[in-house]
Amino acid sequence: MNVVIASSSIDGGIGCWDLQTGAEQLRYKTCASPPHGLTTVGCRFLACSQLRDPSATSGHLLYWSWSKPQAQVKSFPAEPIKPLIANSDGTYIVGGGSSGDIYIWEVATGRLLKKWHAHYRAITCLVFSEDDSLLISGSEDGCVRVWSLFMIFDDVRRQQVSHLYEYSFTEHTLRVTDIVIGYGGGNAIIVSASEDRTCKVWSLSKGRLLRNVVFPSIIDAIAIDPGEHVFYAGSRDGKIYIAALNAESSPSDNYGLHIIGSLTDQSKPVTCLAYSAEGNLLFSGSEDGMIRVWDVKTQNITRMFRHSKGQISYKEA
C-alpha cells in the first residue's frame, strides 16, 4: 500500500491515507509538530517532535507504531527539538535543537550517541545524503552546513580539527526554511531555500554555489524531480514555482532567472512538498489544512486530503 502521512502545527494528530483509494487509514492522536518535525523510522514506526509551551526549556518527542493510534513511547531531550530525521535503516534519529545543537540518538536503546554545537541559532531543517554518510543542516542563522558522520563519530579526529563541518555555506542572508538533496551520489546537489526569497543550488562534491534563483515570494518548501531537470518551490503566495536545474549558467542574482512555470490552486501559503517517483506525483501541504496530489505531467490535481484546520507542517509520501 502506498500511503501519505502528514502532521500539523496544531494538535490535529498525524493523518495516514491510502494514496490509491483516498481513504484515511489511521489518525495518530495528540501531535502538534513544527516544520520538518515528523519522520518515519525504518518501516517500523513514526517519530515526531512536539510544539508545546514556547517557554519550555526541555524537549518532547513522541513515537508511534504503525498500527496503533496512541503514542507508544515518549522522551524528553534536554531542549526543544525542531527538525527530526532518521537514517534509511532506522538505526538512529537526529534532532536539531533550538540552541543550534544537533543530537544523534540510538533507536534501539534511546541512548544519546553524539551532540555538538552546529549553528549559532536554532536548527530549522536536516537531511541525510543518499548513503547516510553526510548530514546537511540549515539554521535560523542563514547558514547551511555539511557534516561527515565519520568525522562526528571519530573522537580522535575531532580533537585535531578546527571545525567539524565539511562545508559551511553562508550565502543566504536570512533563515533557512528547507533543504533537499539530489540523487546523484558523489555528484549530488543540494538545494536550499531561505526567507531571503532565494533558492541556492550547491555542489556537494565541490562545496560551491552553482546557481542562485530569486523568487517573487518567500519559499518554505522544495522538492526535486528524480531526473533532476527541475525543482519545485512552494511559496507563501500560494504558488508552487517550477525552476530549471539543467540549464547551463553560472550563479546569478537575476530576478526570476530559471523559473519556467508554476502550479496553483489556492492563495494560502504552501508549507511542505514531497515528490514520489512512482507515478511522477508531487504532494503539497498548505496553511488551509489540505494536501494536494499533483500529476506533474498534466499539472492537474489528482486527489486531495483534508488534514486539519491549521497549516500542514510536514508531509511524506
C-alpha atoms as a PDB file:
ATOM      1  CA  MET A   1       0.000   0.000   0.000  1.00  0.00           C
ATOM      2  CA  ASN A   2       1.237   3.487  -0.890  1.00  0.00           C
ATOM      3  CA  VAL A   3       0.344   5.903   1.881  1.00  0.00           C
ATOM      4  CA  VAL A   4       0.559   9.625   2.537  1.00  0.00           C
ATOM      5  CA  ILE A   5       1.274  10.811   6.083  1.00  0.00           C
ATOM      6  CA  ALA A   6       1.007  14.373   7.352  1.00  0.00           C
ATOM      7  CA  SER A   7       1.212  16.276  10.609  1.00  0.00           C
ATOM      8  CA  SER A   8       0.160  19.782  11.580  1.00  0.00           C
ATOM      9  CA  SER A   9       1.369  22.567  13.815  1.00  0.00           C
ATOM     10  CA  ILE A  10      -1.975  22.461  15.621  1.00  0.00           C
ATOM     11  CA  ASP A  11      -2.963  19.421  17.670  1.00  0.00           C
ATOM     12  CA  GLY A  12      -4.592  17.600  14.759  1.00  0.00           C
ATOM     13  CA  GLY A  13      -2.667  14.371  15.088  1.00  0.00           C
ATOM     14  CA  ILE A  14      -0.958  12.596  12.197  1.00  0.00           C
ATOM     15  CA  GLY A  15      -3.100  11.595   9.240  1.00  0.00           C
ATOM     16  CA  CYS A  16      -2.392   8.499   7.151  1.00  0.00           C
ATOM     17  CA  TRP A  17      -4.221   7.946   3.845  1.00  0.00           C
ATOM     18  CA  ASP A  18      -4.244   5.260   1.171  1.00  0.00           C
ATOM     19  CA  LEU A  19      -2.998   7.053  -1.935  1.00  0.00           C
ATOM     20  CA  GLN A  20      -4.981   4.832  -4.322  1.00  0.00           C
ATOM     21  CA  THR A  21      -8.390   4.970  -2.648  1.00  0.00           C
ATOM     22  CA  GLY A  22      -8.104   8.249  -0.739  1.00  0.00           C
ATOM     23  CA  ALA A  23      -9.377   6.549   2.432  1.00  0.00           C
ATOM     24  CA  GLU A  24      -7.865   7.594   5.749  1.00  0.00           C
ATOM     25  CA  GLN A  25      -6.228   4.513   7.275  1.00  0.00           C
ATOM     26  CA  LEU A  26      -5.435   5.824  10.733  1.00  0.00           C
ATOM     27  CA  ARG A  27      -5.239   9.038  12.737  1.00  0.00           C
ATOM     28  CA  TYR A  28      -2.353   9.081  15.192  1.00  0.00           C
ATOM     29  CA  LYS A  29      -3.502  11.169  18.138  1.00  0.00           C
ATOM     30  CA  THR A  30      -2.034  14.072  20.087  1.00  0.00           C
ATOM     31  CA  CYS A  31       0.552  15.536  17.774  1.00  0.00           C
ATOM     32  CA  ALA A  32       1.439  19.176  17.132  1.00  0.00           C
ATOM     33  CA  SER A  33       4.710  19.234  15.214  1.00  0.00           C
ATOM     34  CA  PRO A  34       6.973  22.015  13.921  1.00  0.00           C
ATOM     35  CA  PRO A  35       8.060  22.114  10.263  1.00  0.00           C
ATOM     36  CA  HIS A  36      10.231  19.062   9.432  1.00  0.00           C
ATOM     37  CA  GLY A  37       9.342  17.561  12.811  1.00  0.00           C
ATOM     38  CA  LEU A  38       7.880  14.221  11.632  1.00  0.00           C
ATOM     39  CA  THR A  39       9.920  11.266  10.372  1.00  0.00           C
ATOM     40  CA  THR A  40       9.459   7.598   9.547  1.00  0.00           C
ATOM     41  CA  VAL A  41      11.901   5.320  11.375  1.00  0.00           C
ATOM     42  CA  GLY A  42      12.695   2.416   9.080  1.00  0.00           C
ATOM     43  CA  CYS A  43       9.413   0.695   8.294  1.00  0.00           C
ATOM     44  CA  ARG A  44       8.587   0.245  11.957  1.00  0.00           C
ATOM     45  CA  PHE A  45       7.221   3.438  13.461  1.00  0.00           C
ATOM     46  CA  LEU A  46       6.821   7.215  13.349  1.00  0.00           C
ATOM     47  CA  ALA A  47       8.682   9.772  15.447  1.00  0.00           C
ATOM     48  CA  CYS A  48       7.727  13.400  15.923  1.00  0.00           C
ATOM     49  CA  SER A  49       8.998  16.429  17.792  1.00  0.00           C
ATOM     50  CA  GLN A  50       6.325  18.447  19.559  1.00  0.00           C
ATOM     51  CA  LEU A  51       5.323  22.105  19.672  1.00  0.00           C
ATOM     52  CA  ARG A  52       4.215  22.756  23.217  1.00  0.00           C
ATOM     53  CA  ASP A  53       4.857  25.651  25.590  1.00  0.00           C
ATOM     54  CA  PRO A  54       7.170  28.103  23.725  1.00  0.00           C
ATOM     55  CA  SER A  55       8.877  28.940  27.025  1.00  0.00           C
ATOM     56  CA  ALA A  56       9.662  25.283  27.792  1.00  0.00           C
ATOM     57  CA  THR A  57      13.320  24.517  28.406  1.00  0.00           C
ATOM     58  CA  SER A  58      13.090  20.772  27.672  1.00  0.00           C
ATOM     59  CA  GLY A  59      12.072  18.908  24.541  1.00  0.00           C
ATOM     60  CA  HIS A  60       9.267  16.451  23.893  1.00  0.00           C
ATOM     61  CA  LEU A  61       9.381  13.594  21.364  1.00  0.00           C
ATOM     62  CA  LEU A  62       6.639  11.033  20.653  1.00  0.00           C
ATOM     63  CA  TYR A  63       6.854   7.642  18.936  1.00  0.00           C
ATOM     64  CA  TRP A  64       4.009   5.633  17.360  1.00  0.00           C
ATOM     65  CA  SER A  65       3.921   2.122  15.951  1.00  0.00           C
ATOM     66  CA  TRP A  66       2.274   1.946  12.509  1.00  0.00           C
ATOM     67  CA  SER A  67      -0.756   0.029  13.768  1.00  0.00           C
ATOM     68  CA  LYS A  68      -1.752   1.943  16.925  1.00  0.00           C
ATOM     69  CA  PRO A  69      -3.146   5.484  17.166  1.00  0.00           C
ATOM     70  CA  GLN A  70      -1.746   6.210  20.631  1.00  0.00           C
ATOM     71  CA  ALA A  71       1.884   7.168  21.165  1.00  0.00           C
ATOM     72  CA  GLN A  72       3.857   4.172  22.443  1.00  0.00           C
ATOM     73  CA  VAL A  73       6.959   5.948  23.776  1.00  0.00           C
ATOM     74  CA  LYS A  74       7.727   9.476  24.986  1.00  0.00           C
ATOM     75  CA  SER A  75      11.150  11.010  25.507  1.00  0.00           C
ATOM     76  CA  PHE A  76      12.267  14.345  26.885  1.00  0.00           C
ATOM     77  CA  PRO A  77      15.518  15.750  25.406  1.00  0.00           C
ATOM     78  CA  ALA A  78      17.446  18.486  27.169  1.00  0.00           C
ATOM     79  CA  GLU A  79      15.949  21.225  24.986  1.00  0.00           C
ATOM     80  CA  PRO A  80      13.101  21.759  22.468  1.00  0.00           C
ATOM     81  CA  ILE A  81      13.751  19.821  19.243  1.00  0.00           C
ATOM     82  CA  LYS A  82      12.559  21.237  15.916  1.00  0.00           C
ATOM     83  CA  PRO A  83      13.542  19.136  12.853  1.00  0.00           C
ATOM     84  CA  LEU A  84      13.767  15.375  13.319  1.00  0.00           C
ATOM     85  CA  ILE A  85      15.017  12.744  10.849  1.00  0.00           C
ATOM     86  CA  ALA A  86      16.051   9.085  10.832  1.00  0.00           C
ATOM     87  CA  ASN A  87      18.664   7.348   8.720  1.00  0.00           C
ATOM     88  CA  SER A  88      17.455   4.992   5.981  1.00  0.00           C
ATOM     89  CA  ASP A  89      17.546   1.776   8.008  1.00  0.00           C
ATOM     90  CA  GLY A  90      16.149   3.390  11.154  1.00  0.00           C
ATOM     91  CA  THR A  91      19.071   2.690  13.467  1.00  0.00           C
ATOM     92  CA  TYR A  92      19.368   6.257  14.735  1.00  0.00           C
ATOM     93  CA  ILE A  93      17.422   9.509  14.920  1.00  0.00           C
ATOM     94  CA  VAL A  94      18.863  13.011  14.552  1.00  0.00           C
ATOM     95  CA  GLY A  95      17.261  16.113  16.041  1.00  0.00           C
ATOM     96  CA  GLY A  96      18.024  19.812  15.724  1.00  0.00           C
ATOM     97  CA  GLY A  97      17.751  21.902  18.875  1.00  0.00           C
ATOM     98  CA  SER A  98      16.590  25.469  19.425  1.00  0.00           C
ATOM     99  CA  SER A  99      20.088  26.281  20.726  1.00  0.00           C
ATOM    100  CA  GLY A 100      21.767  25.258  17.465  1.00  0.00           C
ATOM    101  CA  ASP A 101      22.921  21.890  18.828  1.00  0.00           C
ATOM    102  CA  ILE A 102      22.433  18.637  16.888  1.00  0.00           C
ATOM    103  CA  TYR A 103      21.687  15.367  18.711  1.00  0.00           C
ATOM    104  CA  ILE A 104      22.037  11.753  17.499  1.00  0.00           C
ATOM    105  CA  TRP A 105      20.144   9.044  19.424  1.00  0.00           C
ATOM    106  CA  GLU A 106      20.370   5.282  19.014  1.00  0.00           C
ATOM    107  CA  VAL A 107      16.891   3.950  18.233  1.00  0.00           C
ATOM    108  CA  ALA A 108      17.261   0.533  19.884  1.00  0.00           C
ATOM    109  CA  THR A 109      18.284   1.920  23.284  1.00  0.00           C
ATOM    110  CA  GLY A 110      17.281   5.582  23.197  1.00  0.00           C
ATOM    111  CA  ARG A 111      20.849   6.457  24.200  1.00  0.00           C
ATOM    112  CA  LEU A 112      22.316   9.805  23.164  1.00  0.00           C
ATOM    113  CA  LEU A 113      25.304   8.940  20.958  1.00  0.00           C
ATOM    114  CA  LYS A 114      26.575  12.382  19.942  1.00  0.00           C
ATOM    115  CA  LYS A 115      25.829  16.040  20.481  1.00  0.00           C
ATOM    116  CA  TRP A 116      27.625  19.063  19.045  1.00  0.00           C
ATOM    117  CA  HIS A 117      27.086  22.788  18.595  1.00  0.00           C
ATOM    118  CA  ALA A 118      26.351  23.123  14.885  1.00  0.00           C
ATOM    119  CA  HIS A 119      24.901  26.629  14.425  1.00  0.00           C
ATOM    120  CA  TYR A 120      24.646  29.939  16.217  1.00  0.00           C
ATOM    121  CA  ARG A 121      20.843  29.876  16.181  1.00  0.00           C
ATOM    122  CA  ALA A 122      18.082  27.250  16.094  1.00  0.00           C
ATOM    123  CA  ILE A 123      18.261  24.359  13.624  1.00  0.00           C
ATOM    124  CA  THR A 124      15.419  24.575  11.086  1.00  0.00           C
ATOM    125  CA  CYS A 125      15.963  21.566   8.784  1.00  0.00           C
ATOM    126  CA  LEU A 126      18.041  18.406   8.475  1.00  0.00           C
ATOM    127  CA  VAL A 127      18.608  15.947   5.608  1.00  0.00           C
ATOM    128  CA  PHE A 128      20.801  12.895   5.029  1.00  0.00           C
ATOM    129  CA  SER A 129      22.798  12.159   1.890  1.00  0.00           C
ATOM    130  CA  GLU A 130      21.663   9.137  -0.109  1.00  0.00           C
ATOM    131  CA  ASP A 131      24.186   6.822   1.588  1.00  0.00           C
ATOM    132  CA  ASP A 132      23.616   8.331   5.072  1.00  0.00           C
ATOM    133  CA  SER A 133      27.290   9.309   5.369  1.00  0.00           C
ATOM    134  CA  LEU A 134      26.620  13.057   5.299  1.00  0.00           C
ATOM    135  CA  LEU A 135      24.196  15.175   7.287  1.00  0.00           C
ATOM    136  CA  ILE A 136      23.151  18.597   5.981  1.00  0.00           C
ATOM    137  CA  SER A 137      21.702  21.185   8.365  1.00  0.00           C
ATOM    138  CA  GLY A 138      20.027  24.559   7.915  1.00  0.00           C
ATOM    139  CA  SER A 139      19.506  27.170  10.585  1.00  0.00           C
ATOM    140  CA  GLU A 140      17.876  30.430  11.559  1.00  0.00           C
ATOM    141  CA  ASP A 141      21.368  31.928  11.236  1.00  0.00           C
ATOM    142  CA  GLY A 142      21.068  31.585   7.425  1.00  0.00           C
ATOM    143  CA  CYS A 143      23.851  29.014   7.213  1.00  0.00           C
ATOM    144  CA  VAL A 144      23.815  25.588   5.533  1.00  0.00           C
ATOM    145  CA  ARG A 145      26.429  23.132   6.800  1.00  0.00           C
ATOM    146  CA  VAL A 146      27.543  19.689   5.640  1.00  0.00           C
ATOM    147  CA  TRP A 147      28.701  17.196   8.288  1.00  0.00           C
ATOM    148  CA  SER A 148      30.536  13.912   7.777  1.00  0.00           C
ATOM    149  CA  LEU A 149      29.249  11.338  10.249  1.00  0.00           C
ATOM    150  CA  PHE A 150      32.627   9.605  10.026  1.00  0.00           C
ATOM    151  CA  MET A 151      34.144  12.766  11.491  1.00  0.00           C
ATOM    152  CA  ILE A 152      31.387  13.203  14.080  1.00  0.00           C
ATOM    153  CA  PHE A 153      31.922   9.680  15.436  1.00  0.00           C
ATOM    154  CA  ASP A 154      35.751   9.795  15.302  1.00  0.00           C
ATOM    155  CA  ASP A 155      36.679  11.233  18.694  1.00  0.00           C
ATOM    156  CA  VAL A 156      40.404  11.356  17.865  1.00  0.00           C
ATOM    157  CA  ARG A 157      39.988  13.337  14.636  1.00  0.00           C
ATOM    158  CA  ARG A 158      37.501  15.664  16.311  1.00  0.00           C
ATOM    159  CA  GLN A 159      40.231  16.794  18.673  1.00  0.00           C
ATOM    160  CA  GLN A 160      42.605  17.560  15.787  1.00  0.00           C
ATOM    161  CA  VAL A 161      40.450  19.804  13.576  1.00  0.00           C
ATOM    162  CA  SER A 162      39.452  23.438  13.934  1.00  0.00           C
ATOM    163  CA  HIS A 163      35.836  22.766  12.909  1.00  0.00           C
ATOM    164  CA  LEU A 164      33.696  19.665  12.413  1.00  0.00           C
ATOM    165  CA  TYR A 165      31.825  20.582   9.236  1.00  0.00           C
ATOM    166  CA  GLU A 166      32.921  19.654   5.716  1.00  0.00           C
ATOM    167  CA  TYR A 167      31.396  22.792   4.172  1.00  0.00           C
ATOM    168  CA  SER A 168      29.734  25.898   5.543  1.00  0.00           C
ATOM    169  CA  PHE A 169      27.584  27.783   3.034  1.00  0.00           C
ATOM    170  CA  THR A 170      26.857  31.311   4.243  1.00  0.00           C
ATOM    171  CA  GLU A 171      25.387  32.986   1.153  1.00  0.00           C
ATOM    172  CA  HIS A 172      21.807  33.090   2.478  1.00  0.00           C
ATOM    173  CA  THR A 173      21.066  36.312   4.339  1.00  0.00           C
ATOM    174  CA  LEU A 174      18.023  35.116   6.328  1.00  0.00           C
ATOM    175  CA  ARG A 175      16.621  31.967   7.963  1.00  0.00           C
ATOM    176  CA  VAL A 176      16.959  28.712   6.006  1.00  0.00           C
ATOM    177  CA  THR A 177      13.494  27.180   5.543  1.00  0.00           C
ATOM    178  CA  ASP A 178      14.161  23.900   3.705  1.00  0.00           C
ATOM    179  CA  ILE A 179      16.921  21.731   2.216  1.00  0.00           C
ATOM    180  CA  VAL A 180      16.709  18.850  -0.267  1.00  0.00           C
ATOM    181  CA  ILE A 181      19.462  16.696  -1.720  1.00  0.00           C
ATOM    182  CA  GLY A 182      19.625  15.281  -5.232  1.00  0.00           C
ATOM    183  CA  TYR A 183      20.037  11.700  -6.365  1.00  0.00           C
ATOM    184  CA  GLY A 184      23.469  11.962  -7.976  1.00  0.00           C
ATOM    185  CA  GLY A 185      25.548  10.051  -5.414  1.00  0.00           C
ATOM    186  CA  GLY A 186      29.045  11.541  -5.371  1.00  0.00           C
ATOM    187  CA  ASN A 187      27.945  14.282  -7.773  1.00  0.00           C
ATOM    188  CA  ALA A 188      24.837  15.153  -5.803  1.00  0.00           C
ATOM    189  CA  ILE A 189      23.495  18.678  -5.483  1.00  0.00           C
ATOM    190  CA  ILE A 190      21.882  20.407  -2.536  1.00  0.00           C
ATOM    191  CA  VAL A 191      19.056  22.906  -2.953  1.00  0.00           C
ATOM    192  CA  SER A 192      18.364  25.238  -0.035  1.00  0.00           C
ATOM    193  CA  ALA A 193      15.532  27.742   0.461  1.00  0.00           C
ATOM    194  CA  SER A 194      15.523  30.819   2.662  1.00  0.00           C
ATOM    195  CA  GLU A 195      13.365  33.683   3.846  1.00  0.00           C
ATOM    196  CA  ASP A 196      15.626  35.891   1.685  1.00  0.00           C
ATOM    197  CA  ARG A 197      13.399  34.722  -1.259  1.00  0.00           C
ATOM    198  CA  THR A 198      16.169  32.709  -2.883  1.00  0.00           C
ATOM    199  CA  CYS A 199      16.854  29.052  -3.536  1.00  0.00           C
ATOM    200  CA  LYS A 200      20.505  28.187  -3.955  1.00  0.00           C
ATOM    201  CA  VAL A 201      21.909  25.109  -5.694  1.00  0.00           C
ATOM    202  CA  TRP A 202      25.185  23.744  -4.313  1.00  0.00           C
ATOM    203  CA  SER A 203      27.633  21.080  -5.465  1.00  0.00           C
ATOM    204  CA  LEU A 204      28.050  18.555  -2.669  1.00  0.00           C
ATOM    205  CA  SER A 205      31.321  17.200  -4.085  1.00  0.00           C
ATOM    206  CA  LYS A 206      32.944  20.572  -4.833  1.00  0.00           C
ATOM    207  CA  GLY A 207      31.431  22.572  -1.996  1.00  0.00           C
ATOM    208  CA  ARG A 208      30.494  25.592  -4.090  1.00  0.00           C
ATOM    209  CA  LEU A 209      27.459  27.532  -5.249  1.00  0.00           C
ATOM    210  CA  LEU A 210      26.198  26.523  -8.695  1.00  0.00           C
ATOM    211  CA  ARG A 211      23.071  28.623  -9.065  1.00  0.00           C
ATOM    212  CA  ASN A 212      21.019  31.294  -7.322  1.00  0.00           C
ATOM    213  CA  VAL A 213      17.309  31.576  -8.125  1.00  0.00           C
ATOM    214  CA  VAL A 214      15.359  34.600  -6.874  1.00  0.00           C
ATOM    215  CA  PHE A 215      11.594  34.203  -6.337  1.00  0.00           C
ATOM    216  CA  PRO A 216       8.788  36.760  -6.031  1.00  0.00           C
ATOM    217  CA  SER A 217       7.837  35.438  -2.568  1.00  0.00           C
ATOM    218  CA  ILE A 218       9.411  33.544   0.343  1.00  0.00           C
ATOM    219  CA  ILE A 219       9.930  29.831  -0.315  1.00  0.00           C
ATOM    220  CA  ASP A 220       9.198  27.472   2.598  1.00  0.00           C
ATOM    221  CA  ALA A 221       9.345  24.082   0.841  1.00  0.00           C
ATOM    222  CA  ILE A 222      11.271  22.485  -2.013  1.00  0.00           C
ATOM    223  CA  ALA A 223      11.308  19.137  -3.863  1.00  0.00           C
ATOM    224  CA  ILE A 224      13.474  17.813  -6.710  1.00  0.00           C
ATOM    225  CA  ASP A 225      12.206  15.625  -9.524  1.00  0.00           C
ATOM    226  CA  PRO A 226      14.190  12.338  -9.765  1.00  0.00           C
ATOM    227  CA  GLY A 227      15.612  13.253 -13.171  1.00  0.00           C
ATOM    228  CA  GLU A 228      16.989  16.479 -11.649  1.00  0.00           C
ATOM    229  CA  HIS A 229      15.685  18.547 -14.547  1.00  0.00           C
ATOM    230  CA  VAL A 230      13.657  20.876 -12.301  1.00  0.00           C
ATOM    231  CA  PHE A 231      12.903  21.592  -8.682  1.00  0.00           C
ATOM    232  CA  TYR A 232       9.617  22.730  -7.175  1.00  0.00           C
ATOM    233  CA  ALA A 233       9.435  25.634  -4.733  1.00  0.00           C
ATOM    234  CA  GLY A 234       6.392  26.116  -2.504  1.00  0.00           C
ATOM    235  CA  SER A 235       5.783  29.793  -1.838  1.00  0.00           C
ATOM    236  CA  ARG A 236       3.963  31.942   0.695  1.00  0.00           C
ATOM    237  CA  ASP A 237       1.968  33.453  -2.181  1.00  0.00           C
ATOM    238  CA  GLY A 238       0.261  30.068  -2.671  1.00  0.00           C
ATOM    239  CA  LYS A 239       2.088  29.077  -5.849  1.00  0.00           C
ATOM    240  CA  ILE A 240       4.441  26.172  -6.473  1.00  0.00           C
ATOM    241  CA  TYR A 241       7.140  27.531  -8.778  1.00  0.00           C
ATOM    242  CA  ILE A 242       8.982  25.270 -11.216  1.00  0.00           C
ATOM    243  CA  ALA A 243      12.664  26.125 -11.619  1.00  0.00           C
ATOM    244  CA  ALA A 244      15.099  24.623 -14.130  1.00  0.00           C
ATOM    245  CA  LEU A 245      18.149  22.775 -12.857  1.00  0.00           C
ATOM    246  CA  ASN A 246      19.775  21.629 -16.108  1.00  0.00           C
ATOM    247  CA  ALA A 247      20.225  24.947 -17.914  1.00  0.00           C
ATOM    248  CA  GLU A 248      23.835  25.989 -18.388  1.00  0.00           C
ATOM    249  CA  SER A 249      24.654  29.066 -16.336  1.00  0.00           C
ATOM    250  CA  SER A 250      26.777  30.475 -13.571  1.00  0.00           C
ATOM    251  CA  PRO A 251      25.456  31.734 -10.221  1.00  0.00           C
ATOM    252  CA  SER A 252      23.317  34.805 -10.826  1.00  0.00           C
ATOM    253  CA  ASP A 253      21.128  37.215  -8.914  1.00  0.00           C
ATOM    254  CA  ASN A 254      18.871  37.982 -11.873  1.00  0.00           C
ATOM    255  CA  TYR A 255      15.291  38.102 -10.674  1.00  0.00           C
ATOM    256  CA  GLY A 256      13.207  35.182 -11.931  1.00  0.00           C
ATOM    257  CA  LEU A 257      16.016  33.516 -13.855  1.00  0.00           C
ATOM    258  CA  HIS A 258      15.347  29.776 -14.337  1.00  0.00           C
ATOM    259  CA  ILE A 259      11.679  29.974 -13.207  1.00  0.00           C
ATOM    260  CA  ILE A 260       9.876  28.194 -16.039  1.00  0.00           C
ATOM    261  CA  GLY A 261       6.344  27.798 -14.695  1.00  0.00           C
ATOM    262  CA  SER A 262       4.099  27.380 -11.664  1.00  0.00           C
ATOM    263  CA  LEU A 263       1.292  25.291 -10.196  1.00  0.00           C
ATOM    264  CA  THR A 264      -1.519  26.995  -8.329  1.00  0.00           C
ATOM    265  CA  ASP A 265      -4.881  26.064  -6.874  1.00  0.00           C
ATOM    266  CA  GLN A 266      -5.311  28.422  -3.934  1.00  0.00           C
ATOM    267  CA  SER A 267      -3.862  31.514  -2.301  1.00  0.00           C
ATOM    268  CA  LYS A 268      -2.797  30.090   1.078  1.00  0.00           C
ATOM    269  CA  PRO A 269       0.955  29.637   1.631  1.00  0.00           C
ATOM    270  CA  VAL A 270       2.483  26.302   0.620  1.00  0.00           C
ATOM    271  CA  THR A 271       4.169  24.853   3.700  1.00  0.00           C
ATOM    272  CA  CYS A 272       5.628  21.492   2.559  1.00  0.00           C
ATOM    273  CA  LEU A 273       6.355  19.442  -0.569  1.00  0.00           C
ATOM    274  CA  ALA A 274       7.294  15.842  -1.357  1.00  0.00           C
ATOM    275  CA  TYR A 275       7.944  14.101  -4.678  1.00  0.00           C
ATOM    276  CA  SER A 276       7.058  10.488  -5.461  1.00  0.00           C
ATOM    277  CA  ALA A 277       8.868   8.955  -8.430  1.00  0.00           C
ATOM    278  CA  GLU A 278       6.176   6.279  -8.622  1.00  0.00           C
ATOM    279  CA  GLY A 279       3.596   7.928 -10.855  1.00  0.00           C
ATOM    280  CA  ASN A 280       5.518  11.230 -11.007  1.00  0.00           C
ATOM    281  CA  LEU A 281       3.383  12.799  -8.300  1.00  0.00           C
ATOM    282  CA  LEU A 282       4.039  15.967  -6.323  1.00  0.00           C
ATOM    283  CA  PHE A 283       2.441  16.320  -2.896  1.00  0.00           C
ATOM    284  CA  SER A 284       1.860  19.763  -1.391  1.00  0.00           C
ATOM    285  CA  GLY A 285       0.583  20.826   2.014  1.00  0.00           C
ATOM    286  CA  SER A 286      -0.601  24.319   2.832  1.00  0.00           C
ATOM    287  CA  GLU A 287      -1.970  26.609   5.508  1.00  0.00           C
ATOM    288  CA  ASP A 288      -5.539  25.717   4.531  1.00  0.00           C
ATOM    289  CA  GLY A 289      -5.035  22.238   6.034  1.00  0.00           C
ATOM    290  CA  MET A 290      -5.261  20.492   2.652  1.00  0.00           C
ATOM    291  CA  ILE A 291      -2.865  18.077   0.956  1.00  0.00           C
ATOM    292  CA  ARG A 292      -2.936  18.205  -2.839  1.00  0.00           C
ATOM    293  CA  VAL A 293      -1.594  15.488  -5.121  1.00  0.00           C
ATOM    294  CA  TRP A 294      -0.371  16.836  -8.477  1.00  0.00           C
ATOM    295  CA  ASP A 295       0.288  14.955 -11.690  1.00  0.00           C
ATOM    296  CA  VAL A 296       3.394  16.850 -12.774  1.00  0.00           C
ATOM    297  CA  LYS A 297       2.985  15.933 -16.449  1.00  0.00           C
ATOM    298  CA  THR A 298      -0.539  17.339 -16.787  1.00  0.00           C
ATOM    299  CA  GLN A 299      -0.114  19.822 -13.882  1.00  0.00           C
ATOM    300  CA  ASN A 300      -3.550  18.749 -12.647  1.00  0.00           C
ATOM    301  CA  ILE A 301      -4.611  17.824  -9.111  1.00  0.00           C
ATOM    302  CA  THR A 302      -5.487  14.123  -8.953  1.00  0.00           C
ATOM    303  CA  ARG A 303      -6.506  13.860  -5.296  1.00  0.00           C
ATOM    304  CA  MET A 304      -6.968  15.997  -2.187  1.00  0.00           C
ATOM    305  CA  PHE A 305      -6.838  15.090   1.511  1.00  0.00           C
ATOM    306  CA  ARG A 306      -8.093  17.239   4.382  1.00  0.00           C
ATOM    307  CA  HIS A 307      -5.878  17.018   7.435  1.00  0.00           C
ATOM    308  CA  SER A 308      -6.869  19.783   9.827  1.00  0.00           C
ATOM    309  CA  LYS A 309      -7.987  23.358  10.198  1.00  0.00           C
ATOM    310  CA  GLY A 310      -4.410  24.535  10.589  1.00  0.00           C
ATOM    311  CA  GLN A 311      -1.361  24.506   8.369  1.00  0.00           C
ATOM    312  CA  ILE A 312       0.329  21.278   7.319  1.00  0.00           C
ATOM    313  CA  SER A 313       3.764  21.293   8.887  1.00  0.00           C
ATOM    314  CA  TYR A 314       5.127  18.083   7.419  1.00  0.00           C
ATOM    315  CA  LYS A 315       4.150  15.572   4.766  1.00  0.00           C
ATOM    316  CA  GLU A 316       5.682  12.392   3.403  1.00  0.00           C
ATOM    317  CA  ALA A 317       4.581  10.112   0.586  1.00  0.00           C
END
